Amino acid sequence: MTLSGRGSAKAPGATWFRWLWLLVSAPVVALSVFRAVPAQWPVLVVQLVSFTPWLAVPATAALLLAFLGRSRLQQGVAVVLLVCQAFWLFPLDTGRPAPAAIGTKLPLAVMSLNAELGQADAGHIVALVRDNNVSLLALQEFTQGLQDRLSAAGLDQLLPQRVSQPSSGATGSALYSRHPMEAVGSVPDTPFRIPTVRLTAEANGTVAVLEVTSVHVFPPVEDHLDQWRSDLAAVGRVADRPGARLLAGDFNATYDHAEFRALLARGQGRDGEAAALVDVGAASGSRLVPTWPMDGQLLPGVTIDHLVISRDLDSSGYRVQRVAGTDHAAVMATLSLPAAG
């Protein structure tokens, strides 16, 4: 009788754990379906998919609750959910640069930052450029006021070449370089300016050419979801041209968005063959280091700022650096450019 009484006393507790499991696992199941199926989801789903890496927390809790609730069905489902999260946290298809080609390569330290309507601290930006020997700087949400403050802080002496289109709103952009640049054009039909320049670096008789696009994709908000998808597709088409390439900036998309992964699948190699692009942060194992929001908003951090390169480039030293005055972090890395043939 005593053993029977104890067993029945535990049953209500197990039942509560099973109900808690349902509450915890239901949103994980729903968001996992949204992440797994590359459909054209509505705007709320697109926004929620950005936070997929954080699903590992409730998925782990669901597994614990399933064991406490003694339900084999719930345990099985919880294990599947957690395996999915692990697979998405550490994907096998992040891409790596192609095997290094024989020949001389030139190093190029690059940095990209969304300056949040030009409010980023100019002195902090210049200090990062100086301290990290940055040779190429891409800025989004670039204003005339920020340009003036950067000049006063000494950026023009460090990076004397500039192609800029300041704006009073979020549409402005700028590229600063230690090496000569020439404007190539802009991505058409985008609300924000997305310019491309051709940079020519030379050292010790070796010349390397890099096409650089400063990316600012319209965010997936309200009635602008189609514009977000259109912008990402348009940026991807830039990579259809052959040659060494860097896409740097605020993509307003994470690796968990099918639209961003489709962009990475584009590109051409030196001989015109298909060659997927490489997200430098993901390839370096830093895919989960957030770049937004950096201003104290009560949101989990996500990675929407990227350095994306063609596979004939090498990269090293990827890092994320907070900058005062903006809700985005700077992303930095050193690229190795193949000599122009």
C-alpha atoms as a PDB file:
ATOM      1  CA  MET A   1       0.000   0.000   0.000  1.00  0.00           C
ATOM      2  CA  THR A   2       2.805   2.379   0.851  1.00  0.00           C
ATOM      3  CA  LEU A   3       4.575   1.782  -2.484  1.00  0.00           C
ATOM      4  CA  SER A   4       1.332   2.235  -4.391  1.00  0.00           C
ATOM      5  CA  GLY A   5       0.638   5.481  -2.560  1.00  0.00           C
ATOM      6  CA  ARG A   6       4.041   6.870  -3.392  1.00  0.00           C
ATOM      7  CA  GLY A   7       3.656   5.995  -7.044  1.00  0.00           C
ATOM      8  CA  SER A   8       0.323   7.753  -7.316  1.00  0.00           C
ATOM      9  CA  ALA A   9       1.749  10.774  -5.497  1.00  0.00           C
ATOM     10  CA  LYS A  10       4.324  11.212  -8.227  1.00  0.00           C
ATOM     11  CA  ALA A  11       1.825  11.026 -11.082  1.00  0.00           C
ATOM     12  CA  PRO A  12       0.386  14.554 -10.670  1.00  0.00           C
ATOM     13  CA  GLY A  13       3.903  15.999 -10.742  1.00  0.00           C
ATOM     14  CA  ALA A  14       4.706  14.157 -13.975  1.00  0.00           C
ATOM     15  CA  THR A  15       1.477  15.448 -15.481  1.00  0.00           C
ATOM     16  CA  TRP A  16       2.429  19.029 -14.695  1.00  0.00           C
ATOM     17  CA  PHE A  17       5.811  18.535 -16.355  1.00  0.00           C
ATOM     18  CA  ARG A  18       4.071  17.185 -19.463  1.00  0.00           C
ATOM     19  CA  TRP A  19       1.861  20.277 -19.648  1.00  0.00           C
ATOM     20  CA  LEU A  20       4.878  22.519 -19.160  1.00  0.00           C
ATOM     21  CA  TRP A  21       6.619  20.619 -21.933  1.00  0.00           C
ATOM     22  CA  LEU A  22       3.759  21.464 -24.287  1.00  0.00           C
ATOM     23  CA  LEU A  23       3.981  25.155 -23.400  1.00  0.00           C
ATOM     24  CA  VAL A  24       7.753  25.271 -23.900  1.00  0.00           C
ATOM     25  CA  SER A  25       8.050  23.064 -26.966  1.00  0.00           C
ATOM     26  CA  ALA A  26       5.125  24.436 -29.026  1.00  0.00           C
ATOM     27  CA  PRO A  27       6.890  27.677 -30.074  1.00  0.00           C
ATOM     28  CA  VAL A  28      10.111  25.746 -30.679  1.00  0.00           C
ATOM     29  CA  VAL A  29       8.279  23.335 -32.988  1.00  0.00           C
ATOM     30  CA  ALA A  30       6.606  26.197 -34.868  1.00  0.00           C
ATOM     31  CA  LEU A  31       9.789  28.217 -35.362  1.00  0.00           C
ATOM     32  CA  SER A  32      11.727  25.100 -36.292  1.00  0.00           C
ATOM     33  CA  VAL A  33       9.241  24.437 -39.092  1.00  0.00           C
ATOM     34  CA  PHE A  34       9.606  28.028 -40.285  1.00  0.00           C
ATOM     35  CA  ARG A  35      13.413  27.666 -40.231  1.00  0.00           C
ATOM     36  CA  ALA A  36      13.407  24.306 -41.990  1.00  0.00           C
ATOM     37  CA  VAL A  37      10.981  25.124 -44.810  1.00  0.00           C
ATOM     38  CA  PRO A  38      12.339  27.769 -47.250  1.00  0.00           C
ATOM     39  CA  ALA A  39       8.942  29.285 -48.043  1.00  0.00           C
ATOM     40  CA  GLN A  40       8.117  32.946 -48.521  1.00  0.00           C
ATOM     41  CA  TRP A  41       6.895  33.427 -44.981  1.00  0.00           C
ATOM     42  CA  PRO A  42       5.085  36.583 -43.792  1.00  0.00           C
ATOM     43  CA  VAL A  43       6.963  39.393 -42.122  1.00  0.00           C
ATOM     44  CA  LEU A  44       6.491  38.292 -38.497  1.00  0.00           C
ATOM     45  CA  VAL A  45       7.882  34.838 -39.285  1.00  0.00           C
ATOM     46  CA  VAL A  46      10.854  36.327 -41.135  1.00  0.00           C
ATOM     47  CA  GLN A  47      11.646  38.481 -38.127  1.00  0.00           C
ATOM     48  CA  LEU A  48      11.303  35.571 -35.693  1.00  0.00           C
ATOM     49  CA  VAL A  49      13.545  33.320 -37.804  1.00  0.00           C
ATOM     50  CA  SER A  50      16.354  35.812 -37.106  1.00  0.00           C
ATOM     51  CA  PHE A  51      16.375  34.536 -33.532  1.00  0.00           C
ATOM     52  CA  THR A  52      16.604  30.836 -34.408  1.00  0.00           C
ATOM     53  CA  PRO A  53      19.933  30.318 -32.548  1.00  0.00           C
ATOM     54  CA  TRP A  54      18.202  31.254 -29.298  1.00  0.00           C
ATOM     55  CA  LEU A  55      15.785  28.321 -29.697  1.00  0.00           C
ATOM     56  CA  ALA A  56      18.514  26.100 -28.260  1.00  0.00           C
ATOM     57  CA  VAL A  57      17.574  27.411 -24.795  1.00  0.00           C
ATOM     58  CA  PRO A  58      13.880  26.369 -24.752  1.00  0.00           C
ATOM     59  CA  ALA A  59      14.745  23.195 -26.711  1.00  0.00           C
ATOM     60  CA  THR A  60      17.094  22.146 -23.910  1.00  0.00           C
ATOM     61  CA  ALA A  61      14.429  22.996 -21.325  1.00  0.00           C
ATOM     62  CA  ALA A  62      11.905  20.914 -23.272  1.00  0.00           C
ATOM     63  CA  LEU A  63      14.222  17.897 -23.143  1.00  0.00           C
ATOM     64  CA  LEU A  64      14.590  18.245 -19.373  1.00  0.00           C
ATOM     65  CA  LEU A  65      10.814  18.569 -18.909  1.00  0.00           C
ATOM     66  CA  ALA A  66      10.213  15.514 -21.111  1.00  0.00           C
ATOM     67  CA  PHE A  67      12.359  13.365 -18.844  1.00  0.00           C
ATOM     68  CA  LEU A  68      10.750  14.785 -15.715  1.00  0.00           C
ATOM     69  CA  GLY A  69       7.348  14.077 -17.226  1.00  0.00           C
ATOM     70  CA  ARG A  70       8.360  10.486 -18.053  1.00  0.00           C
ATOM     71  CA  SER A  71       6.821  10.637 -21.524  1.00  0.00           C
ATOM     72  CA  ARG A  72       8.759   8.700 -24.124  1.00  0.00           C
ATOM     73  CA  LEU A  73       6.920  10.459 -26.917  1.00  0.00           C
ATOM     74  CA  GLN A  74       7.821  13.869 -25.547  1.00  0.00           C
ATOM     75  CA  GLN A  75      11.398  12.719 -24.981  1.00  0.00           C
ATOM     76  CA  GLY A  76      11.676  11.628 -28.603  1.00  0.00           C
ATOM     77  CA  VAL A  77      10.252  14.886 -29.925  1.00  0.00           C
ATOM     78  CA  ALA A  78      12.526  16.906 -27.613  1.00  0.00           C
ATOM     79  CA  VAL A  79      15.593  15.032 -28.823  1.00  0.00           C
ATOM     80  CA  VAL A  80      14.669  15.716 -32.456  1.00  0.00           C
ATOM     81  CA  LEU A  81      14.141  19.415 -31.688  1.00  0.00           C
ATOM     82  CA  LEU A  82      17.487  19.695 -29.942  1.00  0.00           C
ATOM     83  CA  VAL A  83      19.288  17.891 -32.782  1.00  0.00           C
ATOM     84  CA  CYS A  84      17.751  20.362 -35.249  1.00  0.00           C
ATOM     85  CA  GLN A  85      18.943  23.313 -33.174  1.00  0.00           C
ATOM     86  CA  ALA A  86      22.461  21.873 -32.961  1.00  0.00           C
ATOM     87  CA  PHE A  87      22.512  21.342 -36.732  1.00  0.00           C
ATOM     88  CA  TRP A  88      21.457  24.937 -37.336  1.00  0.00           C
ATOM     89  CA  LEU A  89      23.830  26.332 -34.734  1.00  0.00           C
ATOM     90  CA  PHE A  90      26.795  24.621 -36.362  1.00  0.00           C
ATOM     91  CA  PRO A  91      25.803  24.103 -40.009  1.00  0.00           C
ATOM     92  CA  LEU A  92      28.006  22.072 -42.317  1.00  0.00           C
ATOM     93  CA  ASP A  93      27.353  24.306 -45.342  1.00  0.00           C
ATOM     94  CA  THR A  94      28.822  27.596 -44.102  1.00  0.00           C
ATOM     95  CA  GLY A  95      31.417  27.479 -46.859  1.00  0.00           C
ATOM     96  CA  ARG A  96      35.142  27.845 -46.842  1.00  0.00           C
ATOM     97  CA  PRO A  97      37.455  29.710 -49.195  1.00  0.00           C
ATOM     98  CA  ALA A  98      38.780  27.665 -52.086  1.00  0.00           C
ATOM     99  CA  PRO A  99      42.239  26.120 -51.678  1.00  0.00           C
ATOM    100  CA  ALA A 100      44.792  28.886 -51.837  1.00  0.00           C
ATOM    101  CA  ALA A 101      46.078  29.463 -55.337  1.00  0.00           C
ATOM    102  CA  ILE A 102      49.798  29.462 -55.918  1.00  0.00           C
ATOM    103  CA  GLY A 103      51.169  32.956 -56.181  1.00  0.00           C
ATOM    104  CA  THR A 104      51.526  36.199 -54.315  1.00  0.00           C
ATOM    105  CA  LYS A 105      48.615  37.549 -52.330  1.00  0.00           C
ATOM    106  CA  LEU A 106      48.156  41.009 -50.867  1.00  0.00           C
ATOM    107  CA  PRO A 107      46.664  41.491 -47.370  1.00  0.00           C
ATOM    108  CA  LEU A 108      43.787  43.946 -46.984  1.00  0.00           C
ATOM    109  CA  ALA A 109      42.279  44.746 -43.580  1.00  0.00           C
ATOM    110  CA  VAL A 110      38.607  45.650 -44.006  1.00  0.00           C
ATOM    111  CA  MET A 111      35.901  47.012 -41.729  1.00  0.00           C
ATOM    112  CA  SER A 112      32.181  47.655 -42.192  1.00  0.00           C
ATOM    113  CA  LEU A 113      29.752  49.560 -39.971  1.00  0.00           C
ATOM    114  CA  ASN A 114      26.170  50.762 -40.046  1.00  0.00           C
ATOM    115  CA  ALA A 115      26.523  54.212 -38.475  1.00  0.00           C
ATOM    116  CA  GLU A 116      22.831  54.529 -37.433  1.00  0.00           C
ATOM    117  CA  LEU A 117      21.798  57.716 -39.191  1.00  0.00           C
ATOM    118  CA  GLY A 118      25.357  59.048 -38.919  1.00  0.00           C
ATOM    119  CA  GLN A 119      25.322  59.019 -35.107  1.00  0.00           C
ATOM    120  CA  ALA A 120      28.308  56.677 -34.699  1.00  0.00           C
ATOM    121  CA  ASP A 121      31.236  58.148 -32.791  1.00  0.00           C
ATOM    122  CA  ALA A 122      33.707  59.427 -35.396  1.00  0.00           C
ATOM    123  CA  GLY A 123      36.671  59.343 -33.030  1.00  0.00           C
ATOM    124  CA  HIS A 124      35.947  55.715 -32.169  1.00  0.00           C
ATOM    125  CA  ILE A 125      35.758  54.783 -35.860  1.00  0.00           C
ATOM    126  CA  VAL A 126      39.048  56.494 -36.633  1.00  0.00           C
ATOM    127  CA  ALA A 127      40.714  54.833 -33.638  1.00  0.00           C
ATOM    128  CA  LEU A 128      39.598  51.406 -34.870  1.00  0.00           C
ATOM    129  CA  VAL A 129      40.912  52.160 -38.344  1.00  0.00           C
ATOM    130  CA  ARG A 130      44.251  53.317 -36.962  1.00  0.00           C
ATOM    131  CA  ASP A 131      44.701  50.598 -34.348  1.00  0.00           C
ATOM    132  CA  ASN A 132      43.783  47.766 -36.723  1.00  0.00           C
ATOM    133  CA  ASN A 133      45.604  49.120 -39.769  1.00  0.00           C
ATOM    134  CA  VAL A 134      42.333  49.085 -41.740  1.00  0.00           C
ATOM    135  CA  SER A 135      42.822  49.761 -45.437  1.00  0.00           C
ATOM    136  CA  LEU A 136      39.178  49.662 -46.521  1.00  0.00           C
ATOM    137  CA  LEU A 137      36.190  51.031 -44.602  1.00  0.00           C
ATOM    138  CA  ALA A 138      32.545  50.641 -45.662  1.00  0.00           C
ATOM    139  CA  LEU A 139      29.925  52.767 -43.914  1.00  0.00           C
ATOM    140  CA  GLN A 140      26.137  52.601 -44.185  1.00  0.00           C
ATOM    141  CA  GLU A 141      23.580  55.205 -43.011  1.00  0.00           C
ATOM    142  CA  PHE A 142      26.252  57.778 -43.821  1.00  0.00           C
ATOM    143  CA  THR A 143      25.489  61.475 -43.381  1.00  0.00           C
ATOM    144  CA  GLN A 144      27.286  64.699 -44.229  1.00  0.00           C
ATOM    145  CA  GLY A 145      27.665  65.388 -40.523  1.00  0.00           C
ATOM    146  CA  LEU A 146      29.474  62.093 -39.998  1.00  0.00           C
ATOM    147  CA  GLN A 147      31.698  62.769 -42.991  1.00  0.00           C
ATOM    148  CA  ASP A 148      32.694  66.129 -41.518  1.00  0.00           C
ATOM    149  CA  ARG A 149      33.375  64.605 -38.093  1.00  0.00           C
ATOM    150  CA  LEU A 150      35.450  61.815 -39.588  1.00  0.00           C
ATOM    151  CA  SER A 151      37.542  64.340 -41.500  1.00  0.00           C
ATOM    152  CA  ALA A 152      38.070  66.380 -38.343  1.00  0.00           C
ATOM    153  CA  ALA A 153      39.127  63.203 -36.493  1.00  0.00           C
ATOM    154  CA  GLY A 154      41.809  62.455 -39.092  1.00  0.00           C
ATOM    155  CA  LEU A 155      40.270  59.701 -41.243  1.00  0.00           C
ATOM    156  CA  ASP A 156      41.231  61.448 -44.490  1.00  0.00           C
ATOM    157  CA  GLN A 157      44.908  61.120 -43.581  1.00  0.00           C
ATOM    158  CA  LEU A 158      44.573  57.395 -42.858  1.00  0.00           C
ATOM    159  CA  LEU A 159      42.297  56.552 -45.792  1.00  0.00           C
ATOM    160  CA  PRO A 160      42.672  59.331 -48.373  1.00  0.00           C
ATOM    161  CA  GLN A 161      40.527  57.718 -51.091  1.00  0.00           C
ATOM    162  CA  ARG A 162      36.797  58.201 -50.683  1.00  0.00           C
ATOM    163  CA  VAL A 163      33.656  57.429 -52.672  1.00  0.00           C
ATOM    164  CA  SER A 164      30.733  58.785 -50.676  1.00  0.00           C
ATOM    165  CA  GLN A 165      27.061  59.585 -51.060  1.00  0.00           C
ATOM    166  CA  PRO A 166      25.959  61.178 -47.781  1.00  0.00           C
ATOM    167  CA  SER A 167      22.275  61.517 -46.994  1.00  0.00           C
ATOM    168  CA  SER A 168      20.230  63.086 -44.239  1.00  0.00           C
ATOM    169  CA  GLY A 169      18.425  59.769 -43.662  1.00  0.00           C
ATOM    170  CA  ALA A 170      19.382  56.104 -43.722  1.00  0.00           C
ATOM    171  CA  THR A 171      20.131  55.932 -47.446  1.00  0.00           C
ATOM    172  CA  GLY A 172      23.689  57.306 -47.448  1.00  0.00           C
ATOM    173  CA  SER A 173      26.858  55.262 -47.896  1.00  0.00           C
ATOM    174  CA  ALA A 174      30.598  55.710 -48.102  1.00  0.00           C
ATOM    175  CA  LEU A 175      33.728  53.740 -48.904  1.00  0.00           C
ATOM    176  CA  TYR A 176      37.124  54.922 -47.643  1.00  0.00           C
ATOM    177  CA  SER A 177      40.355  53.329 -48.804  1.00  0.00           C
ATOM    178  CA  ARG A 178      44.117  53.549 -48.618  1.00  0.00           C
ATOM    179  CA  HIS A 179      44.220  52.318 -52.220  1.00  0.00           C
ATOM    180  CA  PRO A 180      42.810  53.873 -55.408  1.00  0.00           C
ATOM    181  CA  MET A 181      39.128  53.244 -56.078  1.00  0.00           C
ATOM    182  CA  GLU A 182      36.836  53.927 -59.000  1.00  0.00           C
ATOM    183  CA  ALA A 183      33.058  53.842 -58.910  1.00  0.00           C
ATOM    184  CA  VAL A 184      31.541  50.985 -60.879  1.00  0.00           C
ATOM    185  CA  GLY A 185      27.861  51.634 -60.271  1.00  0.00           C
ATOM    186  CA  SER A 186      25.050  50.982 -57.812  1.00  0.00           C
ATOM    187  CA  VAL A 187      22.595  48.169 -57.316  1.00  0.00           C
ATOM    188  CA  PRO A 188      19.379  49.341 -59.041  1.00  0.00           C
ATOM    189  CA  ASP A 189      15.906  49.653 -57.534  1.00  0.00           C
ATOM    190  CA  THR A 190      16.938  49.733 -53.881  1.00  0.00           C
ATOM    191  CA  PRO A 191      15.757  52.383 -51.371  1.00  0.00           C
ATOM    192  CA  PHE A 192      19.211  52.515 -49.770  1.00  0.00           C
ATOM    193  CA  ARG A 193      22.296  53.261 -51.835  1.00  0.00           C
ATOM    194  CA  ILE A 194      24.341  50.124 -52.511  1.00  0.00           C
ATOM    195  CA  PRO A 195      27.401  51.274 -54.478  1.00  0.00           C
ATOM    196  CA  THR A 196      30.176  49.152 -55.966  1.00  0.00           C
ATOM    197  CA  VAL A 197      33.757  50.303 -56.466  1.00  0.00           C
ATOM    198  CA  ARG A 198      36.803  48.695 -58.021  1.00  0.00           C
ATOM    199  CA  LEU A 199      39.789  48.873 -55.688  1.00  0.00           C
ATOM    200  CA  THR A 200      43.334  48.416 -56.993  1.00  0.00           C
ATOM    201  CA  ALA A 201      45.986  47.498 -54.431  1.00  0.00           C
ATOM    202  CA  GLU A 202      49.685  47.405 -55.263  1.00  0.00           C
ATOM    203  CA  ALA A 203      52.699  46.386 -53.189  1.00  0.00           C
ATOM    204  CA  ASN A 204      56.215  45.338 -54.197  1.00  0.00           C
ATOM    205  CA  GLY A 205      55.267  45.181 -57.839  1.00  0.00           C
ATOM    206  CA  THR A 206      52.208  42.986 -57.219  1.00  0.00           C
ATOM    207  CA  VAL A 207      48.773  44.283 -58.210  1.00  0.00           C
ATOM    208  CA  ALA A 208      45.433  42.984 -56.971  1.00  0.00           C
ATOM    209  CA  VAL A 209      41.945  44.105 -57.967  1.00  0.00           C
ATOM    210  CA  LEU A 210      38.875  43.789 -55.745  1.00  0.00           C
ATOM    211  CA  GLU A 211      35.296  44.800 -56.436  1.00  0.00           C
ATOM    212  CA  VAL A 212      33.676  46.046 -53.234  1.00  0.00           C
ATOM    213  CA  THR A 213      29.961  46.583 -52.644  1.00  0.00           C
ATOM    214  CA  SER A 214      28.764  48.456 -49.558  1.00  0.00           C
ATOM    215  CA  VAL A 215      25.524  46.648 -48.729  1.00  0.00           C
ATOM    216  CA  HIS A 216      22.474  48.063 -46.974  1.00  0.00           C
ATOM    217  CA  VAL A 217      19.373  45.947 -47.482  1.00  0.00           C
ATOM    218  CA  PHE A 218      15.966  47.314 -46.551  1.00  0.00           C
ATOM    219  CA  PRO A 219      14.761  45.671 -43.307  1.00  0.00           C
ATOM    220  CA  PRO A 220      11.894  43.132 -43.347  1.00  0.00           C
ATOM    221  CA  VAL A 221       9.310  45.353 -41.679  1.00  0.00           C
ATOM    222  CA  GLU A 222       5.635  46.210 -42.147  1.00  0.00           C
ATOM    223  CA  ASP A 223       4.739  46.213 -45.860  1.00  0.00           C
ATOM    224  CA  HIS A 224       8.324  46.081 -47.129  1.00  0.00           C
ATOM    225  CA  LEU A 225       8.975  42.343 -47.102  1.00  0.00           C
ATOM    226  CA  ASP A 226       9.016  42.165 -50.901  1.00  0.00           C
ATOM    227  CA  GLN A 227      11.576  44.986 -50.967  1.00  0.00           C
ATOM    228  CA  TRP A 228      13.776  43.052 -48.499  1.00  0.00           C
ATOM    229  CA  ARG A 229      13.699  39.977 -50.705  1.00  0.00           C
ATOM    230  CA  SER A 230      14.254  42.056 -53.831  1.00  0.00           C
ATOM    231  CA  ASP A 231      17.271  43.810 -52.289  1.00  0.00           C
ATOM    232  CA  LEU A 232      18.893  40.541 -51.225  1.00  0.00           C
ATOM    233  CA  ALA A 233      18.357  39.044 -54.668  1.00  0.00           C
ATOM    234  CA  ALA A 234      19.759  42.161 -56.345  1.00  0.00           C
ATOM    235  CA  VAL A 235      22.870  42.093 -54.146  1.00  0.00           C
ATOM    236  CA  GLY A 236      23.277  38.423 -55.022  1.00  0.00           C
ATOM    237  CA  ARG A 237      23.212  39.248 -58.727  1.00  0.00           C
ATOM    238  CA  VAL A 238      26.214  41.524 -58.238  1.00  0.00           C
ATOM    239  CA  ALA A 239      28.236  38.399 -57.468  1.00  0.00           C
ATOM    240  CA  ASP A 240      27.322  36.837 -60.817  1.00  0.00           C
ATOM    241  CA  ARG A 241      30.130  38.837 -62.375  1.00  0.00           C
ATOM    242  CA  PRO A 242      33.511  37.066 -62.251  1.00  0.00           C
ATOM    243  CA  GLY A 243      36.416  38.392 -60.230  1.00  0.00           C
ATOM    244  CA  ALA A 244      37.519  38.856 -56.637  1.00  0.00           C
ATOM    245  CA  ARG A 245      34.628  40.349 -54.678  1.00  0.00           C
ATOM    246  CA  LEU A 246      33.647  41.664 -51.256  1.00  0.00           C
ATOM    247  CA  LEU A 247      30.065  42.382 -50.174  1.00  0.00           C
ATOM    248  CA  ALA A 248      30.268  44.257 -46.878  1.00  0.00           C
ATOM    249  CA  GLY A 249      27.552  45.782 -44.782  1.00  0.00           C
ATOM    250  CA  ASP A 250      24.130  45.512 -43.193  1.00  0.00           C
ATOM    251  CA  PHE A 251      22.220  42.714 -44.925  1.00  0.00           C
ATOM    252  CA  ASN A 252      19.349  42.845 -42.403  1.00  0.00           C
ATOM    253  CA  ALA A 253      19.373  39.044 -42.661  1.00  0.00           C
ATOM    254  CA  THR A 254      20.954  36.211 -40.727  1.00  0.00           C
ATOM    255  CA  TYR A 255      22.333  32.881 -41.849  1.00  0.00           C
ATOM    256  CA  ASP A 256      19.022  31.353 -40.760  1.00  0.00           C
ATOM    257  CA  HIS A 257      17.132  33.153 -43.533  1.00  0.00           C
ATOM    258  CA  ALA A 258      16.778  31.081 -46.686  1.00  0.00           C
ATOM    259  CA  GLU A 259      17.030  34.308 -48.709  1.00  0.00           C
ATOM    260  CA  PHE A 260      20.510  35.035 -47.311  1.00  0.00           C
ATOM    261  CA  ARG A 261      21.671  31.466 -47.909  1.00  0.00           C
ATOM    262  CA  ALA A 262      20.405  31.772 -51.498  1.00  0.00           C
ATOM    263  CA  LEU A 263      22.554  34.877 -51.888  1.00  0.00           C
ATOM    264  CA  LEU A 264      25.599  32.955 -50.661  1.00  0.00           C
ATOM    265  CA  ALA A 265      24.941  30.241 -53.243  1.00  0.00           C
ATOM    266  CA  ARG A 266      25.613  32.695 -56.058  1.00  0.00           C
ATOM    267  CA  GLY A 267      28.914  33.757 -57.581  1.00  0.00           C
ATOM    268  CA  GLN A 268      31.403  32.783 -60.230  1.00  0.00           C
ATOM    269  CA  GLY A 269      34.942  31.517 -60.063  1.00  0.00           C
ATOM    270  CA  ARG A 270      37.869  32.785 -62.062  1.00  0.00           C
ATOM    271  CA  ASP A 271      37.071  30.541 -65.014  1.00  0.00           C
ATOM    272  CA  GLY A 272      33.357  31.256 -64.976  1.00  0.00           C
ATOM    273  CA  GLU A 273      32.389  28.155 -63.034  1.00  0.00           C
ATOM    274  CA  ALA A 274      29.843  28.321 -60.243  1.00  0.00           C
ATOM    275  CA  ALA A 275      31.476  29.194 -56.933  1.00  0.00           C
ATOM    276  CA  ALA A 276      29.423  29.917 -53.845  1.00  0.00           C
ATOM    277  CA  LEU A 277      30.202  32.990 -51.806  1.00  0.00           C
ATOM    278  CA  VAL A 278      31.622  32.767 -48.284  1.00  0.00           C
ATOM    279  CA  ASP A 279      30.293  34.495 -45.180  1.00  0.00           C
ATOM    280  CA  VAL A 280      33.569  35.295 -43.412  1.00  0.00           C
ATOM    281  CA  GLY A 281      32.001  35.266 -39.950  1.00  0.00           C
ATOM    282  CA  ALA A 282      30.332  31.886 -40.454  1.00  0.00           C
ATOM    283  CA  ALA A 283      33.427  30.365 -42.043  1.00  0.00           C
ATOM    284  CA  SER A 284      35.551  31.511 -39.107  1.00  0.00           C
ATOM    285  CA  GLY A 285      33.232  29.856 -36.589  1.00  0.00           C
ATOM    286  CA  SER A 286      31.861  33.197 -35.344  1.00  0.00           C
ATOM    287  CA  ARG A 287      28.416  33.000 -36.917  1.00  0.00           C
ATOM    288  CA  LEU A 288      26.704  33.400 -33.564  1.00  0.00           C
ATOM    289  CA  VAL A 289      28.531  36.555 -32.459  1.00  0.00           C
ATOM    290  CA  PRO A 290      25.757  39.187 -32.615  1.00  0.00           C
ATOM    291  CA  THR A 291      26.135  42.490 -34.449  1.00  0.00           C
ATOM    292  CA  TRP A 292      22.726  43.986 -33.541  1.00  0.00           C
ATOM    293  CA  PRO A 293      21.234  45.470 -31.393  1.00  0.00           C
ATOM    294  CA  MET A 294      24.118  47.107 -29.543  1.00  0.00           C
ATOM    295  CA  ASP A 295      22.178  49.958 -27.895  1.00  0.00           C
ATOM    296  CA  GLY A 296      20.512  48.204 -24.984  1.00  0.00           C
ATOM    297  CA  GLN A 297      17.278  47.145 -26.688  1.00  0.00           C
ATOM    298  CA  LEU A 298      15.598  44.252 -24.890  1.00  0.00           C
ATOM    299  CA  LEU A 299      16.115  41.840 -27.776  1.00  0.00           C
ATOM    300  CA  PRO A 300      18.404  38.826 -28.131  1.00  0.00           C
ATOM    301  CA  GLY A 301      21.437  39.665 -30.267  1.00  0.00           C
ATOM    302  CA  VAL A 302      21.493  38.528 -33.894  1.00  0.00           C
ATOM    303  CA  THR A 303      24.057  38.638 -36.689  1.00  0.00           C
ATOM    304  CA  ILE A 304      22.822  40.795 -39.581  1.00  0.00           C
ATOM    305  CA  ASP A 305      26.079  42.543 -40.555  1.00  0.00           C
ATOM    306  CA  HIS A 306      28.346  40.454 -42.754  1.00  0.00           C
ATOM    307  CA  LEU A 307      31.526  40.323 -44.773  1.00  0.00           C
ATOM    308  CA  VAL A 308      30.845  38.110 -47.784  1.00  0.00           C
ATOM    309  CA  ILE A 309      33.676  37.208 -50.168  1.00  0.00           C
ATOM    310  CA  SER A 310      34.237  35.256 -53.341  1.00  0.00           C
ATOM    311  CA  ARG A 311      35.874  31.889 -52.757  1.00  0.00           C
ATOM    312  CA  ASP A 312      39.159  32.868 -54.403  1.00  0.00           C
ATOM    313  CA  LEU A 313      39.882  35.140 -51.423  1.00  0.00           C
ATOM    314  CA  ASP A 314      41.358  34.017 -48.114  1.00  0.00           C
ATOM    315  CA  SER A 315      40.266  35.570 -44.822  1.00  0.00           C
ATOM    316  CA  SER A 316      41.556  35.653 -41.273  1.00  0.00           C
ATOM    317  CA  GLY A 317      41.147  37.562 -38.021  1.00  0.00           C
ATOM    318  CA  TYR A 318      37.377  38.019 -38.184  1.00  0.00           C
ATOM    319  CA  ARG A 319      36.048  39.972 -35.200  1.00  0.00           C
ATOM    320  CA  VAL A 320      33.104  42.052 -34.068  1.00  0.00           C
ATOM    321  CA  GLN A 321      33.712  45.390 -32.380  1.00  0.00           C
ATOM    322  CA  ARG A 322      31.215  47.644 -30.616  1.00  0.00           C
ATOM    323  CA  VAL A 323      31.219  51.300 -31.670  1.00  0.00           C
ATOM    324  CA  ALA A 324      29.785  54.101 -29.553  1.00  0.00           C
ATOM    325  CA  GLY A 325      26.721  55.900 -30.899  1.00  0.00           C
ATOM    326  CA  THR A 326      25.292  53.165 -33.124  1.00  0.00           C
ATOM    327  CA  ASP A 327      23.084  50.128 -32.598  1.00  0.00           C
ATOM    328  CA  HIS A 328      25.278  48.039 -34.906  1.00  0.00           C
ATOM    329  CA  ALA A 329      28.705  46.574 -34.267  1.00  0.00           C
ATOM    330  CA  ALA A 330      31.565  46.869 -36.734  1.00  0.00           C
ATOM    331  CA  VAL A 331      32.687  43.678 -38.471  1.00  0.00           C
ATOM    332  CA  MET A 332      36.362  43.347 -39.356  1.00  0.00           C
ATOM    333  CA  ALA A 333      38.689  40.865 -41.034  1.00  0.00           C
ATOM    334  CA  THR A 334      41.887  40.650 -43.053  1.00  0.00           C
ATOM    335  CA  LEU A 335      41.483  39.437 -46.635  1.00  0.00           C
ATOM    336  CA  SER A 336      44.214  38.046 -48.863  1.00  0.00           C
ATOM    337  CA  LEU A 337      43.738  39.231 -52.450  1.00  0.00           C
ATOM    338  CA  PRO A 338      45.049  37.147 -55.351  1.00  0.00           C
ATOM    339  CA  ALA A 339      47.367  38.933 -57.727  1.00  0.00           C
ATOM    340  CA  ALA A 340      45.651  40.136 -60.890  1.00  0.00           C
ATOM    341  CA  GLY A 341      46.383  37.839 -63.768  1.00  0.00           C
END
